[in-house]
Amino acid sequence: MSKMIVLNKFVVVTELASGIILSGDITTGNKPAEVVAVGAECEYIVPGINVILDWTKAMPFESESVKLAVIAYEHVKVILNVD
């Protein structure tokens, strides 16, 4: 995937478990996502970590045939697997 610049306090994620973005159904709201890129104003969230977010607030999009979603930082609720 080509490099992207994410603006302000937005986070770009891809789904870890199958079904949400691929099917367009984001109503379950509890599936984890992997962070792909973040805006400069995001604290604690970095690419490569797994998060729980409010999928109903996410905007799905595609980049180079990869299904992604962008969401405002405040809708990321939990950071998983923190050491």
C-alpha atoms as a PDB file:
ATOM      1  CA  MET A   1       0.000   0.000   0.000  1.00  0.00           C
ATOM      2  CA  SER A   2       1.324   3.436  -0.849  1.00  0.00           C
ATOM      3  CA  LYS A   3       2.152   5.941   1.855  1.00  0.00           C
ATOM      4  CA  MET A   4      -0.709   8.109   3.068  1.00  0.00           C
ATOM      5  CA  ILE A   5      -0.894  11.253   5.153  1.00  0.00           C
ATOM      6  CA  VAL A   6      -3.704  11.243   7.687  1.00  0.00           C
ATOM      7  CA  LEU A   7      -4.852  14.660   8.836  1.00  0.00           C
ATOM      8  CA  ASN A   8      -5.376  16.032  12.341  1.00  0.00           C
ATOM      9  CA  LYS A   9      -6.898  13.579  14.839  1.00  0.00           C
ATOM     10  CA  PHE A  10      -7.986  10.857  12.435  1.00  0.00           C
ATOM     11  CA  VAL A  11      -7.004   7.185  12.456  1.00  0.00           C
ATOM     12  CA  VAL A  12      -6.979   4.789   9.473  1.00  0.00           C
ATOM     13  CA  VAL A  13      -7.667   1.140  10.318  1.00  0.00           C
ATOM     14  CA  THR A  14      -8.193  -2.193   8.662  1.00  0.00           C
ATOM     15  CA  GLU A  15     -10.398  -4.873  10.107  1.00  0.00           C
ATOM     16  CA  LEU A  16      -8.781  -7.832  11.886  1.00  0.00           C
ATOM     17  CA  ALA A  17     -11.821 -10.140  11.961  1.00  0.00           C
ATOM     18  CA  SER A  18     -13.641 -10.739   8.692  1.00  0.00           C
ATOM     19  CA  GLY A  19     -16.978  -9.257   7.866  1.00  0.00           C
ATOM     20  CA  ILE A  20     -17.353  -5.628   8.933  1.00  0.00           C
ATOM     21  CA  ILE A  21     -15.731  -3.559   6.211  1.00  0.00           C
ATOM     22  CA  LEU A  22     -15.864  -6.247   3.533  1.00  0.00           C
ATOM     23  CA  SER A  23     -19.614  -6.713   3.858  1.00  0.00           C
ATOM     24  CA  GLY A  24     -20.346  -3.062   4.585  1.00  0.00           C
ATOM     25  CA  ASP A  25     -22.011  -4.074   7.878  1.00  0.00           C
ATOM     26  CA  ILE A  26     -20.581  -1.971  10.687  1.00  0.00           C
ATOM     27  CA  THR A  27     -23.445  -2.422  13.124  1.00  0.00           C
ATOM     28  CA  THR A  28     -21.824  -4.906  15.534  1.00  0.00           C
ATOM     29  CA  GLY A  29     -19.356  -2.297  16.767  1.00  0.00           C
ATOM     30  CA  ASN A  30     -17.101  -4.662  18.696  1.00  0.00           C
ATOM     31  CA  LYS A  31     -14.597  -6.195  16.269  1.00  0.00           C
ATOM     32  CA  PRO A  32     -10.915  -5.260  16.631  1.00  0.00           C
ATOM     33  CA  ALA A  33      -9.007  -3.318  13.997  1.00  0.00           C
ATOM     34  CA  GLU A  34      -5.350  -2.807  13.165  1.00  0.00           C
ATOM     35  CA  VAL A  35      -4.133   0.784  12.943  1.00  0.00           C
ATOM     36  CA  VAL A  36      -2.613   1.530   9.525  1.00  0.00           C
ATOM     37  CA  ALA A  37      -1.862   5.256   9.857  1.00  0.00           C
ATOM     38  CA  VAL A  38      -2.591   8.159  12.222  1.00  0.00           C
ATOM     39  CA  GLY A  39      -2.787  11.925  12.103  1.00  0.00           C
ATOM     40  CA  ALA A  40      -0.103  14.016  13.792  1.00  0.00           C
ATOM     41  CA  GLU A  41      -2.415  15.013  16.657  1.00  0.00           C
ATOM     42  CA  CYS A  42      -3.179  11.448  17.818  1.00  0.00           C
ATOM     43  CA  GLU A  43      -1.763  10.437  21.194  1.00  0.00           C
ATOM     44  CA  TYR A  44      -0.963   6.832  22.202  1.00  0.00           C
ATOM     45  CA  ILE A  45      -2.156   5.374  18.891  1.00  0.00           C
ATOM     46  CA  VAL A  46       0.504   4.272  16.413  1.00  0.00           C
ATOM     47  CA  PRO A  47       0.474   2.139  13.263  1.00  0.00           C
ATOM     48  CA  GLY A  48       0.543  -1.602  13.903  1.00  0.00           C
ATOM     49  CA  ILE A  49      -1.413  -1.701  17.165  1.00  0.00           C
ATOM     50  CA  ASN A  50      -4.839  -3.287  17.590  1.00  0.00           C
ATOM     51  CA  VAL A  51      -7.785  -1.258  18.827  1.00  0.00           C
ATOM     52  CA  ILE A  52     -11.488  -1.465  19.569  1.00  0.00           C
ATOM     53  CA  LEU A  53     -13.497   1.377  18.064  1.00  0.00           C
ATOM     54  CA  ASP A  54     -17.042   2.491  17.403  1.00  0.00           C
ATOM     55  CA  TRP A  55     -17.475   1.107  13.875  1.00  0.00           C
ATOM     56  CA  THR A  56     -20.721   3.065  13.452  1.00  0.00           C
ATOM     57  CA  LYS A  57     -18.587   6.234  13.336  1.00  0.00           C
ATOM     58  CA  ALA A  58     -16.119   4.850  10.751  1.00  0.00           C
ATOM     59  CA  MET A  59     -16.077   5.846   7.073  1.00  0.00           C
ATOM     60  CA  PRO A  60     -15.053   2.875   4.882  1.00  0.00           C
ATOM     61  CA  PHE A  61     -12.844   3.456   1.815  1.00  0.00           C
ATOM     62  CA  GLU A  62     -10.437   1.576  -0.456  1.00  0.00           C
ATOM     63  CA  SER A  63      -6.813   2.274  -1.270  1.00  0.00           C
ATOM     64  CA  GLU A  64      -5.109   0.085  -3.855  1.00  0.00           C
ATOM     65  CA  SER A  65      -7.867  -2.542  -3.422  1.00  0.00           C
ATOM     66  CA  VAL A  66      -7.290  -2.693   0.352  1.00  0.00           C
ATOM     67  CA  LYS A  67     -10.432  -2.124   2.415  1.00  0.00           C
ATOM     68  CA  LEU A  68      -9.847   0.503   5.099  1.00  0.00           C
ATOM     69  CA  ALA A  69     -11.796   2.881   7.300  1.00  0.00           C
ATOM     70  CA  VAL A  70     -11.053   6.314   8.720  1.00  0.00           C
ATOM     71  CA  ILE A  71     -12.343   7.345  12.122  1.00  0.00           C
ATOM     72  CA  ALA A  72     -11.934  10.308  14.445  1.00  0.00           C
ATOM     73  CA  TYR A  73      -9.455   9.672  17.274  1.00  0.00           C
ATOM     74  CA  GLU A  74     -12.104  10.054  19.984  1.00  0.00           C
ATOM     75  CA  HIS A  75     -14.043   7.054  18.640  1.00  0.00           C
ATOM     76  CA  VAL A  76     -11.143   4.683  19.323  1.00  0.00           C
ATOM     77  CA  LYS A  77     -12.128   3.250  22.707  1.00  0.00           C
ATOM     78  CA  VAL A  78      -9.507   0.632  23.658  1.00  0.00           C
ATOM     79  CA  ILE A  79      -5.890  -0.182  22.776  1.00  0.00           C
ATOM     80  CA  LEU A  80      -5.364  -3.962  22.894  1.00  0.00           C
ATOM     81  CA  ASN A  81      -2.326  -6.045  23.903  1.00  0.00           C
ATOM     82  CA  VAL A  82      -0.459  -3.268  25.694  1.00  0.00           C
ATOM     83  CA  ASP A  83       2.819  -4.389  27.279  1.00  0.00           C
END
